[in-house]
């Protein structure tokens, strides 16, 4: 088994191979994968390789490849398969991964045909032959683009081509950007693919049509040498839709030979549908506050509650069950514990409260510092180890379209409490309320929320809302285009992403950066 990953980020030259507007892994890349497996086994010859399903490449996320071979049979042959799995953020932890089969083949210990020869007298002689007819290449790649084959610079390696009876001759070379990669491959897929471009004008419905002819089946493939950056290629028609392929260096040294390469027409719409299905994934998310069922679980007896008062929450006592002990601050609660009062089962602690004036920044810092001290003191006192904490804020989160955050200090408290929740899972509940006068509603809801598994909630008009990740509307991310939402008109606009532009790095002084 061989495994690895490819993506347009790690292999950017693959983006230059697009069919019907979709970046596809070239058929020559599948051949290269098979040659890699053949090289590392006792079966260096590819007897046949059939490409079943094209592999669209996602614009942002990697694709995992898996190549497997069977043990050799009694003739020394191995069966080969190539699968892919598209990695997605939403199924990172999904152990039941779906693998797509793209190719199957047979590897053999030696060429089975006695006619397979590493030397081609034509390519090893005068180049081009005196009677070869040049093929004009002006506008060649523009013509291919009109016929759904969009090749970028990495795949525009065709330098010259000729007709010679039933043969098509070509001279191709790698771009300067890829010249240093030749030793990483048996034959660079972009180089070999360029050598096949002349046959597209013979086996495809050019000019524009509704089908694209793609490599379908390789037979009798042998790799003779590696590291070539320039090739002379001979394509000899052996059937209506297939040809033999021979590639040598400029000096005539053999590089690769194939007794047959068959092409298969694929409807353009089929390619597009395949690309859309491959690219569809919820890569862009936002937080949405969803309503919980109106019937929350009925909690058992709430036990003893304690309240730490706050000057910003004058009517906070109504949020607690009857019998709740009230304390001016946390130190007052500690003194009560020292005097023998039992530790409460639940501690209700309001936090936040800032004014929108010139002192806003100072108020936010003060509120955050106070919240930090409360959390630290509560965690440090062993007598409260079994006490659950409910932090209550007012207007600190926006959980509905058009709603604004009224308390920026409370918003800072939310961030701090979420960090504390990660460190002390299950011990802290934070709730934002919209109306301090609706304490009767909150007094019924808070005990039920404690009994649920929700660490964060908001109460709006008596309804409990909780945060959930949801796909952004219209974010079918078949491209790396971010989505911007404008609340004023509730429209979603898509703007092109510029990877060379300005990037904001958060946490820039830490290990993550």
Protein backbone atom coordinates (compact mmCIF):
# COMPACT_ATOMS: atom_id res chain seq x y z
CA UNK A 1 0.00 0.00 0.00
CA UNK A 2 1.17 3.49 -0.91
CA UNK A 3 -0.50 6.58 0.54
CA UNK A 4 0.00 10.30 0.12
CA UNK A 5 -1.75 13.60 -0.45
CA UNK A 6 -2.02 16.01 -3.34
CA UNK A 7 -3.58 19.45 -3.48
CA UNK A 8 -3.44 22.58 -5.56
CA UNK A 9 -1.47 24.15 -2.71
CA UNK A 10 1.31 21.54 -2.62
CA UNK A 11 1.21 20.82 -6.38
CA UNK A 12 0.11 24.18 -7.85
CA UNK A 13 1.00 23.12 -11.41
CA UNK A 14 -1.98 20.73 -11.35
CA UNK A 15 -4.29 23.76 -11.50
CA UNK A 16 -3.06 24.27 -15.07
CA UNK A 17 -4.83 21.08 -16.16
CA UNK A 18 -8.54 21.92 -16.37
CA UNK A 19 -11.13 20.10 -18.44
CA UNK A 20 -14.52 21.73 -18.94
CA UNK A 21 -13.53 24.32 -16.35
CA UNK A 22 -12.61 21.74 -13.70
CA UNK A 23 -9.04 21.00 -12.50
CA UNK A 24 -8.54 17.27 -13.06
CA UNK A 25 -5.68 15.00 -12.14
CA UNK A 26 -4.14 14.21 -15.55
CA UNK A 27 -4.25 10.68 -16.89
CA UNK A 28 -0.46 10.87 -17.06
CA UNK A 29 -0.43 11.47 -13.29
CA UNK A 30 -2.34 8.21 -12.75
CA UNK A 31 0.24 6.53 -14.96
CA UNK A 32 3.02 8.08 -12.86
CA UNK A 33 1.40 6.73 -9.69
CA UNK A 34 1.25 3.26 -11.22
CA UNK A 35 4.88 3.53 -12.35
CA UNK A 36 5.86 4.50 -8.80
CA UNK A 37 4.19 1.39 -7.40
CA UNK A 38 5.73 -0.71 -10.16
CA UNK A 39 9.21 0.63 -9.40
CA UNK A 40 8.93 -0.37 -5.73
CA UNK A 41 7.79 -3.92 -6.47
CA UNK A 42 9.13 -6.82 -8.51
CA UNK A 43 6.74 -5.87 -11.34
CA UNK A 44 8.19 -2.83 -13.18
CA UNK A 45 6.09 -3.24 -16.32
CA UNK A 46 2.50 -1.95 -16.57
CA UNK A 47 0.62 -4.54 -18.57
CA UNK A 48 -2.56 -2.46 -18.48
CA UNK A 49 -3.96 0.51 -16.56
CA UNK A 50 -7.64 1.44 -16.93
CA UNK A 51 -8.88 4.83 -15.72
CA UNK A 52 -12.48 4.50 -14.56
CA UNK A 53 -13.38 7.85 -12.97
CA UNK A 54 -11.74 11.28 -13.35
CA UNK A 55 -10.40 12.88 -10.19
CA UNK A 56 -11.41 16.55 -9.75
CA UNK A 57 -9.09 18.52 -7.49
CA UNK A 58 -10.59 20.71 -4.80
CA UNK A 59 -9.37 24.33 -4.87
CA UNK A 60 -8.46 24.42 -1.16
CA UNK A 61 -8.56 21.00 0.51
CA UNK A 62 -6.13 18.11 -0.04
CA UNK A 63 -7.00 14.78 -1.60
CA UNK A 64 -5.62 11.60 -0.07
CA UNK A 65 -4.44 8.96 -2.53
CA UNK A 66 -4.18 5.26 -1.82
CA UNK A 67 -2.46 2.82 -4.17
CA UNK A 68 -2.64 -0.88 -3.39
CA UNK A 69 -1.14 -3.92 -5.06
CA UNK A 70 -1.86 -7.57 -4.48
CA UNK A 71 0.84 -10.16 -3.88
CA UNK A 72 2.19 -11.61 -7.15
CA UNK A 73 0.25 -14.53 -8.60
CA UNK A 74 1.82 -17.66 -10.06
CA UNK A 75 2.80 -15.71 -13.18
CA UNK A 76 4.40 -12.91 -11.15
CA UNK A 77 1.66 -10.39 -11.93
CA UNK A 78 0.12 -8.03 -9.38
CA UNK A 79 -3.25 -6.29 -9.47
CA UNK A 80 -3.18 -2.55 -8.77
CA UNK A 81 -5.92 -0.14 -7.66
CA UNK A 82 -5.87 3.62 -7.11
CA UNK A 83 -8.39 5.25 -4.77
CA UNK A 84 -8.87 8.77 -3.48
CA UNK A 85 -10.53 10.33 -0.47
CA UNK A 86 -11.27 14.05 -0.31
CA UNK A 87 -10.40 15.41 3.14
CA UNK A 88 -13.05 17.75 4.56
CA UNK A 89 -13.30 19.72 7.81
CA UNK A 90 -16.71 18.21 8.59
CA UNK A 91 -15.55 14.57 8.47
CA UNK A 92 -12.12 14.85 10.02
CA UNK A 93 -13.17 12.51 12.83
CA UNK A 94 -15.29 10.24 10.63
CA UNK A 95 -13.73 6.80 10.66
CA UNK A 96 -16.04 5.55 7.91
CA UNK A 97 -14.27 7.30 5.07
CA UNK A 98 -15.64 6.93 1.55
CA UNK A 99 -12.98 6.00 -0.98
CA UNK A 100 -13.49 6.55 -4.69
CA UNK A 101 -11.88 4.08 -7.08
CA UNK A 102 -10.24 5.76 -10.07
CA UNK A 103 -8.02 3.17 -11.72
CA UNK A 104 -7.23 -0.52 -11.84
CA UNK A 105 -4.35 -2.25 -13.54
CA UNK A 106 -2.00 -5.18 -13.85
CA UNK A 107 1.72 -5.02 -13.14
CA UNK A 108 4.03 -7.58 -14.70
CA UNK A 109 7.65 -8.52 -14.06
CA UNK A 110 8.63 -7.96 -17.71
CA UNK A 111 7.01 -6.84 -20.97
CA UNK A 112 4.69 -9.57 -22.16
CA UNK A 113 4.94 -8.55 -25.82
CA UNK A 114 8.11 -9.40 -27.77
CA UNK A 115 7.45 -6.35 -29.97
CA UNK A 116 8.04 -3.89 -27.11
CA UNK A 117 11.42 -2.34 -27.76
CA UNK A 118 13.24 0.48 -25.96
CA UNK A 119 14.65 1.81 -29.25
CA UNK A 120 12.61 3.53 -31.95
CA UNK A 121 14.67 3.88 -35.15
CA UNK A 122 12.60 6.85 -36.32
CA UNK A 123 13.15 8.89 -33.17
CA UNK A 124 16.79 7.85 -33.02
CA UNK A 125 17.46 9.07 -36.55
CA UNK A 126 17.03 12.38 -38.33
CA UNK A 127 14.65 14.68 -36.48
CA UNK A 128 12.17 15.52 -37.81
CA UNK A 129 12.02 13.17 -40.80
CA UNK A 130 12.51 14.99 -44.11
CA UNK A 131 9.01 14.11 -45.33
CA UNK A 132 7.23 15.11 -42.09
CA UNK A 133 4.58 17.84 -42.48
CA UNK A 134 4.69 20.57 -39.81
CA UNK A 135 1.50 21.18 -37.82
CA UNK A 136 0.85 24.90 -37.27
CA UNK A 137 0.68 25.64 -33.54
CA UNK A 138 -0.40 29.27 -33.67
CA UNK A 139 -3.49 29.48 -31.49
CA UNK A 140 -3.25 25.75 -30.74
CA UNK A 141 -3.94 26.03 -27.01
CA UNK A 142 -6.63 28.62 -27.63
CA UNK A 143 -8.30 26.10 -29.92
CA UNK A 144 -8.06 23.44 -27.21
CA UNK A 145 -9.57 25.84 -24.68
CA UNK A 146 -12.52 26.37 -27.04
CA UNK A 147 -12.94 22.61 -26.97
CA UNK A 148 -13.02 22.44 -23.13
CA UNK A 149 -9.28 21.67 -22.64
CA UNK A 150 -7.87 24.59 -20.62
CA UNK A 151 -4.12 24.22 -20.17
CA UNK A 152 -2.08 26.68 -18.14
CA UNK A 153 1.63 27.40 -18.59
CA UNK A 154 2.76 24.22 -16.82
CA UNK A 155 0.98 22.08 -19.44
CA UNK A 156 1.70 24.20 -22.51
CA UNK A 157 4.88 22.27 -23.26
CA UNK A 158 4.25 21.48 -26.92
CA UNK A 159 6.97 23.19 -28.95
CA UNK A 160 6.58 21.57 -32.38
CA UNK A 161 4.50 18.89 -34.08
CA UNK A 162 4.46 17.07 -37.43
CA UNK A 163 2.33 14.67 -39.45
CA UNK A 164 4.16 11.65 -40.80
CA UNK A 165 1.75 9.23 -42.41
CA UNK A 166 -0.23 7.55 -39.65
CA UNK A 167 2.13 9.01 -37.10
CA UNK A 168 2.06 12.25 -35.17
CA UNK A 169 5.43 13.51 -33.98
CA UNK A 170 5.87 16.05 -31.21
CA UNK A 171 8.61 17.83 -29.34
CA UNK A 172 7.82 18.92 -25.79
CA UNK A 173 9.69 20.38 -22.84
CA UNK A 174 8.93 21.36 -19.25
CA UNK A 175 8.47 24.98 -18.23
CA UNK A 176 11.34 26.64 -16.36
CA UNK A 177 9.27 26.58 -13.15
CA UNK A 178 9.08 22.77 -13.24
CA UNK A 179 12.54 22.02 -14.64
CA UNK A 180 13.95 21.23 -11.20
CA UNK A 181 11.22 18.64 -10.53
CA UNK A 182 12.19 16.14 -13.22
CA UNK A 183 14.03 13.76 -10.87
CA UNK A 184 11.00 13.60 -8.58
CA UNK A 185 9.07 11.66 -11.23
CA UNK A 186 9.56 8.80 -13.62
CA UNK A 187 8.25 11.08 -16.36
CA UNK A 188 6.82 14.39 -15.21
CA UNK A 189 3.03 14.20 -15.81
CA UNK A 190 2.95 17.71 -17.30
CA UNK A 191 5.70 16.80 -19.77
CA UNK A 192 4.13 13.54 -20.94
CA UNK A 193 0.68 15.11 -21.06
CA UNK A 194 1.98 17.80 -23.40
CA UNK A 195 3.32 15.07 -25.67
CA UNK A 196 -0.22 13.71 -26.02
CA UNK A 197 -1.83 17.04 -26.92
CA UNK A 198 -1.56 16.58 -30.71
CA UNK A 199 -3.81 13.53 -30.61
CA UNK A 200 -6.59 15.58 -29.01
CA UNK A 201 -7.08 17.27 -32.40
CA UNK A 202 -7.58 13.84 -33.97
CA UNK A 203 -9.77 12.06 -31.42
CA UNK A 204 -11.81 14.97 -29.99
CA UNK A 205 -14.67 16.89 -31.56
CA UNK A 206 -12.78 20.12 -32.22
CA UNK A 207 -13.88 22.90 -32.52
CA UNK A 208 -16.21 23.26 -29.48
CA UNK A 209 -18.39 20.29 -28.66
CA UNK A 210 -20.19 18.61 -25.82
CA UNK A 211 -17.61 15.89 -25.12
CA UNK A 212 -13.99 15.70 -24.04
CA UNK A 213 -11.73 12.78 -24.95
CA UNK A 214 -9.60 11.73 -21.99
CA UNK A 215 -7.02 8.95 -21.57
CA UNK A 216 -8.87 5.78 -20.71
CA UNK A 217 -6.57 2.76 -20.93
CA UNK A 218 -2.80 2.34 -21.08
CA UNK A 219 -1.32 -0.96 -22.22
CA UNK A 220 2.22 -2.25 -22.36
CA UNK A 221 3.90 0.65 -20.56
CA UNK A 222 7.60 0.45 -19.71
CA UNK A 223 9.69 3.21 -18.16
CA UNK A 224 13.25 3.09 -19.50
CA UNK A 225 14.81 6.19 -17.90
CA UNK A 226 14.00 9.05 -15.53
CA UNK A 227 14.88 12.73 -15.30
CA UNK A 228 13.93 13.88 -18.81
CA UNK A 229 13.01 17.54 -19.22
CA UNK A 230 12.56 17.40 -23.00
CA UNK A 231 10.96 14.64 -25.07
CA UNK A 232 10.55 13.59 -28.64
CA UNK A 233 7.25 11.76 -28.85
CA UNK A 234 5.90 9.43 -31.53
CA UNK A 235 2.15 8.74 -31.59
CA UNK A 236 1.16 5.97 -34.01
CA UNK A 237 -2.53 5.31 -34.62
CA UNK A 238 -3.42 1.69 -33.94
CA UNK A 239 -7.22 2.07 -33.91
CA UNK A 240 -9.87 4.74 -34.33
CA UNK A 241 -9.46 5.97 -30.78
CA UNK A 242 -6.03 4.71 -29.69
CA UNK A 243 -2.37 5.01 -30.52
CA UNK A 244 0.98 3.72 -29.41
CA UNK A 245 3.29 6.09 -27.55
CA UNK A 246 7.07 6.23 -27.69
CA UNK A 247 9.11 8.94 -25.95
CA UNK A 248 12.86 9.48 -26.15
CA UNK A 249 15.32 12.18 -25.20
CA UNK A 250 16.84 14.64 -27.67
CA UNK A 251 19.65 12.18 -28.26
CA UNK A 252 17.27 9.30 -28.92
CA UNK A 253 17.70 7.55 -25.56
CA UNK A 254 14.48 5.71 -24.66
CA UNK A 255 12.38 7.16 -21.85
CA UNK A 256 8.91 5.55 -22.05
CA UNK A 257 7.01 3.26 -24.40
CA UNK A 258 3.37 2.18 -24.46
CA UNK A 259 1.92 -0.26 -26.96
CA UNK A 260 -1.49 1.41 -26.74
CA UNK A 261 -3.23 4.42 -25.24
CA UNK A 262 -7.00 4.54 -25.70
CA UNK A 263 -9.08 7.68 -25.29
CA UNK A 264 -12.71 7.80 -24.24
CA UNK A 265 -15.18 10.64 -24.83
CA UNK A 266 -16.82 11.96 -21.66
CA UNK A 267 -19.79 14.39 -21.76
CA UNK A 268 -18.81 17.84 -20.54
CA UNK A 269 -21.83 18.01 -18.22
CA UNK A 270 -20.77 14.75 -16.58
CA UNK A 271 -17.42 16.27 -15.72
CA UNK A 272 -19.03 19.36 -14.28
CA UNK A 273 -21.45 17.31 -12.19
CA UNK A 274 -18.56 15.22 -10.90
CA UNK A 275 -16.62 18.33 -9.97
CA UNK A 276 -19.59 19.86 -8.15
CA UNK A 277 -20.18 16.68 -6.16
CA UNK A 278 -16.48 16.49 -5.32
CA UNK A 279 -16.26 20.11 -4.23
CA UNK A 280 -19.48 20.27 -2.23
CA UNK A 281 -18.60 20.53 1.43
CA UNK A 282 -19.41 22.89 4.30
CA UNK A 283 -16.07 24.64 4.46
CA UNK A 284 -17.53 28.02 5.44
CA UNK A 285 -19.39 28.13 8.75
CA UNK A 286 -20.90 30.70 11.04
CA UNK A 287 -22.34 30.55 14.55
CA UNK A 288 -26.13 30.53 14.65
CA UNK A 289 -28.22 30.61 17.79
CA UNK A 290 -30.88 27.95 17.47
CA UNK A 291 -33.90 27.60 19.72
CA UNK A 292 -34.00 24.60 22.02
CA UNK A 293 -37.22 22.63 22.32
CA UNK A 294 -39.76 24.49 24.40
CA UNK A 295 -39.91 21.59 26.83
CA UNK A 296 -36.59 21.47 28.63
CA UNK A 297 -35.83 18.45 30.81
CA UNK A 298 -37.31 18.68 34.29
CA UNK A 299 -34.41 18.85 36.74
CA UNK A 300 -34.41 17.19 40.12
CA UNK A 301 -34.48 19.28 43.29
CA UNK A 302 -32.10 22.19 42.67
CA UNK A 303 -30.39 21.91 46.03
CA UNK A 304 -28.83 24.85 47.78
CA UNK A 305 -28.10 27.91 45.62
CA UNK A 306 -25.94 30.90 46.42
CA UNK A 307 -25.91 34.30 44.74
CA UNK A 308 -23.05 36.77 44.47
CA UNK A 309 -24.66 40.14 43.92
CA UNK A 310 -23.62 42.77 41.39
CA UNK A 311 -24.51 46.49 41.33
CA UNK A 312 -25.26 46.18 37.63
CA UNK A 313 -27.92 43.48 38.21
CA UNK A 314 -30.22 44.92 40.84
CA UNK A 315 -33.04 42.41 40.32
CA UNK A 316 -30.84 39.35 39.98
CA UNK A 317 -32.35 37.70 43.06
CA UNK A 318 -35.39 36.76 41.01
CA UNK A 319 -33.28 34.47 38.85
CA UNK A 320 -32.71 32.05 41.71
CA UNK A 321 -34.93 29.39 43.31
CA UNK A 322 -36.43 30.18 46.66
CA UNK A 323 -34.10 29.73 49.59
CA UNK A 324 -31.05 31.02 47.74
CA UNK A 325 -28.47 32.61 50.01
CA UNK A 326 -27.35 36.05 48.88
CA UNK A 327 -23.84 37.45 49.33
CA UNK A 328 -22.33 40.84 48.57
CA UNK A 329 -19.30 39.30 46.87
CA UNK A 330 -17.31 36.08 46.77
CA UNK A 331 -15.34 36.95 49.90
CA UNK A 332 -18.66 37.31 51.74
CA UNK A 333 -19.56 33.77 50.61
CA UNK A 334 -16.22 32.48 51.88
CA UNK A 335 -16.85 34.04 55.29
CA UNK A 336 -20.22 32.28 55.41
CA UNK A 337 -18.54 28.99 54.60
CA UNK A 338 -16.04 29.65 57.37
CA UNK A 339 -18.96 30.10 59.78
CA UNK A 340 -20.39 26.70 58.85
CA UNK A 341 -22.76 27.44 55.97
CA UNK A 342 -22.76 24.41 53.63
CA UNK A 343 -21.20 24.81 50.21
CA UNK A 344 -23.89 25.56 47.62
CA UNK A 345 -24.71 23.15 44.83
CA UNK A 346 -25.00 26.07 42.42
CA UNK A 347 -23.39 29.50 42.53
CA UNK A 348 -25.03 32.25 40.48
CA UNK A 349 -22.66 35.05 39.57
CA UNK A 350 -23.66 38.02 37.37
CA UNK A 351 -20.81 39.61 35.43
CA UNK A 352 -20.44 42.47 33.01
CA UNK A 353 -21.95 45.89 32.78
CA UNK A 354 -20.21 48.69 30.88
CA UNK A 355 -21.24 52.16 29.85
CA UNK A 356 -20.96 53.44 26.28
CA UNK A 357 -19.06 56.62 27.04
CA UNK A 358 -15.51 57.90 27.18
CA UNK A 359 -14.59 55.40 29.89
CA UNK A 360 -15.71 52.36 27.86
CA UNK A 361 -12.21 50.92 27.41
CA UNK A 362 -11.40 51.23 31.11
CA UNK A 363 -14.76 49.70 32.01
CA UNK A 364 -14.15 46.68 29.78
CA UNK A 365 -10.73 46.11 31.35
CA UNK A 366 -12.18 46.45 34.83
CA UNK A 367 -15.00 44.01 34.15
CA UNK A 368 -12.59 41.48 32.63
CA UNK A 369 -10.23 41.74 35.61
CA UNK A 370 -13.10 41.30 38.05
CA UNK A 371 -14.35 38.23 36.17
CA UNK A 372 -10.87 36.72 36.15
CA UNK A 373 -10.53 37.17 39.93
CA UNK A 374 -13.92 35.57 40.57
CA UNK A 375 -13.08 32.56 38.39
CA UNK A 376 -9.68 32.11 40.01
CA UNK A 377 -11.02 32.38 43.55
CA UNK A 378 -13.89 30.00 42.85
CA UNK A 379 -11.57 27.42 41.30
CA UNK A 380 -8.99 27.74 44.07
CA UNK A 381 -11.35 27.05 47.00
CA UNK A 382 -11.56 23.31 47.60
CA UNK A 383 -14.91 23.74 49.41
CA UNK A 384 -16.49 24.71 46.06
CA UNK A 385 -15.04 21.79 44.10
CA UNK A 386 -18.52 20.30 43.64
CA UNK A 387 -20.26 23.64 43.12
CA UNK A 388 -21.40 24.50 39.59
CA UNK A 389 -21.08 28.10 38.50
CA UNK A 390 -23.69 30.00 36.47
CA UNK A 391 -22.37 33.21 34.96
CA UNK A 392 -25.16 35.59 33.92
CA UNK A 393 -24.66 38.48 31.49
CA UNK A 394 -27.07 40.97 29.98
CA UNK A 395 -26.79 41.94 26.31
CA UNK A 396 -23.30 40.48 25.93
CA UNK A 397 -23.98 38.39 22.79
CA UNK A 398 -25.97 38.92 19.62
CA UNK A 399 -27.97 35.84 18.78
CA UNK A 400 -30.58 37.11 16.30
CA UNK A 401 -30.41 38.97 12.98
CA UNK A 402 -30.18 42.70 13.61
CA UNK A 403 -29.38 42.27 17.31
CA UNK A 404 -26.40 44.18 18.63
CA UNK A 405 -24.04 43.57 21.54
CA UNK A 406 -24.97 46.09 24.22
CA UNK A 407 -22.41 45.17 26.85
CA UNK A 408 -18.83 44.97 25.55
CA UNK A 409 -17.53 44.16 29.01
CA UNK A 410 -19.93 41.23 29.13
CA UNK A 411 -18.69 40.12 25.71
CA UNK A 412 -15.15 40.01 27.13
CA UNK A 413 -16.50 37.94 30.02
CA UNK A 414 -17.96 35.45 27.51
CA UNK A 415 -14.56 34.95 25.91
CA UNK A 416 -12.89 34.46 29.28
CA UNK A 417 -15.56 32.05 30.54
CA UNK A 418 -15.35 29.95 27.38
CA UNK A 419 -11.64 29.52 28.04
CA UNK A 420 -12.40 28.51 31.62
CA UNK A 421 -15.00 26.03 30.34
CA UNK A 422 -12.34 24.35 28.22
CA UNK A 423 -10.15 23.97 31.29
CA UNK A 424 -12.99 22.92 33.62
CA UNK A 425 -15.51 21.08 31.42
CA UNK A 426 -18.94 20.61 32.89
CA UNK A 427 -18.49 23.02 35.81
CA UNK A 428 -19.54 26.36 34.30
CA UNK A 429 -22.68 27.53 32.52
CA UNK A 430 -22.85 30.99 30.99
CA UNK A 431 -26.23 32.52 30.13
CA UNK A 432 -27.09 35.84 28.53
CA UNK A 433 -30.51 37.34 29.30
CA UNK A 434 -32.38 39.99 27.35
CA UNK A 435 -34.71 41.33 30.06
CA UNK A 436 -33.76 41.55 33.71
CA UNK A 437 -37.42 42.05 34.58
CA UNK A 438 -38.31 38.57 33.31
CA UNK A 439 -36.60 36.92 36.23
CA UNK A 440 -39.52 34.55 36.81
CA UNK A 441 -38.88 32.98 33.42
CA UNK A 442 -35.16 32.72 34.05
CA UNK A 443 -35.69 31.12 37.46
CA UNK A 444 -37.48 28.26 35.75
CA UNK A 445 -35.03 27.95 32.88
CA UNK A 446 -31.70 28.12 34.70
CA UNK A 447 -32.17 24.93 36.77
CA UNK A 448 -33.24 23.09 33.61
CA UNK A 449 -30.20 24.34 31.71
CA UNK A 450 -27.96 23.11 34.51
CA UNK A 451 -29.45 19.68 34.06
CA UNK A 452 -28.79 19.77 30.29
CA UNK A 453 -25.42 19.53 28.63
CA UNK A 454 -25.46 23.03 27.18
CA UNK A 455 -22.48 25.11 28.40
CA UNK A 456 -23.72 28.34 26.78
CA UNK A 457 -27.20 29.73 26.24
CA UNK A 458 -29.14 32.92 25.69
CA UNK A 459 -32.66 33.69 26.84
CA UNK A 460 -34.68 35.79 24.42
CA UNK A 461 -38.33 36.55 25.16
CA UNK A 462 -38.56 33.42 27.29
CA UNK A 463 -37.00 31.22 24.59
CA UNK A 464 -33.71 29.42 25.12
CA UNK A 465 -31.21 29.67 22.28
CA UNK A 466 -27.89 27.85 22.01
CA UNK A 467 -24.97 28.36 19.59
CA UNK A 468 -24.46 25.90 16.75
CA UNK A 469 -22.13 25.82 13.75
CA UNK A 470 -24.07 26.05 10.50
CA UNK A 471 -23.06 26.32 6.89
CA UNK A 472 -23.19 29.86 5.55
CA UNK A 473 -26.02 30.29 3.08
CA UNK A 474 -24.82 29.97 -0.48
CA UNK A 475 -21.37 28.76 0.56
CA UNK A 476 -21.20 25.74 -1.70
CA UNK A 477 -17.49 26.13 -1.82
CA UNK A 478 -16.58 24.75 -5.17
CA UNK A 479 -13.98 27.51 -5.18
CA UNK A 480 -11.78 29.20 -2.68
CA UNK A 481 -14.00 32.26 -2.58
CA UNK A 482 -14.83 33.57 0.89
CA UNK A 483 -18.30 34.79 1.70
CA UNK A 484 -19.09 38.16 3.22
CA UNK A 485 -22.47 38.74 4.81
CA UNK A 486 -24.06 42.17 4.95
CA UNK A 487 -26.67 42.28 7.69
CA UNK A 488 -28.17 45.52 6.38
CA UNK A 489 -29.66 43.82 3.35
CA UNK A 490 -29.20 40.16 4.38
CA UNK A 491 -27.38 39.49 1.14
CA UNK A 492 -24.41 37.20 0.70
CA UNK A 493 -21.70 38.57 -1.58
CA UNK A 494 -18.75 36.56 -2.84
CA UNK A 495 -15.41 38.26 -3.31
CA UNK A 496 -12.34 36.72 -4.97
CA UNK A 497 -9.62 35.58 -2.59
CA UNK A 498 -6.17 36.97 -3.32
CA UNK A 499 -3.55 34.65 -1.81
CA UNK A 500 -0.87 37.26 -2.48
CA UNK A 501 -2.77 40.03 -0.68
CA UNK A 502 -2.88 41.14 2.92
CA UNK A 503 -3.46 38.38 5.46
CA UNK A 504 -4.35 38.93 9.13
CA UNK A 505 -2.55 36.49 11.41
CA UNK A 506 -4.03 36.19 14.90
CA UNK A 507 -1.89 34.88 17.71
CA UNK A 508 1.09 36.15 15.78
CA UNK A 509 3.48 36.01 18.73
CA UNK A 510 2.75 32.43 19.69
CA UNK A 511 3.61 28.94 18.51
CA UNK A 512 0.65 28.82 16.13
CA UNK A 513 2.04 31.64 13.99
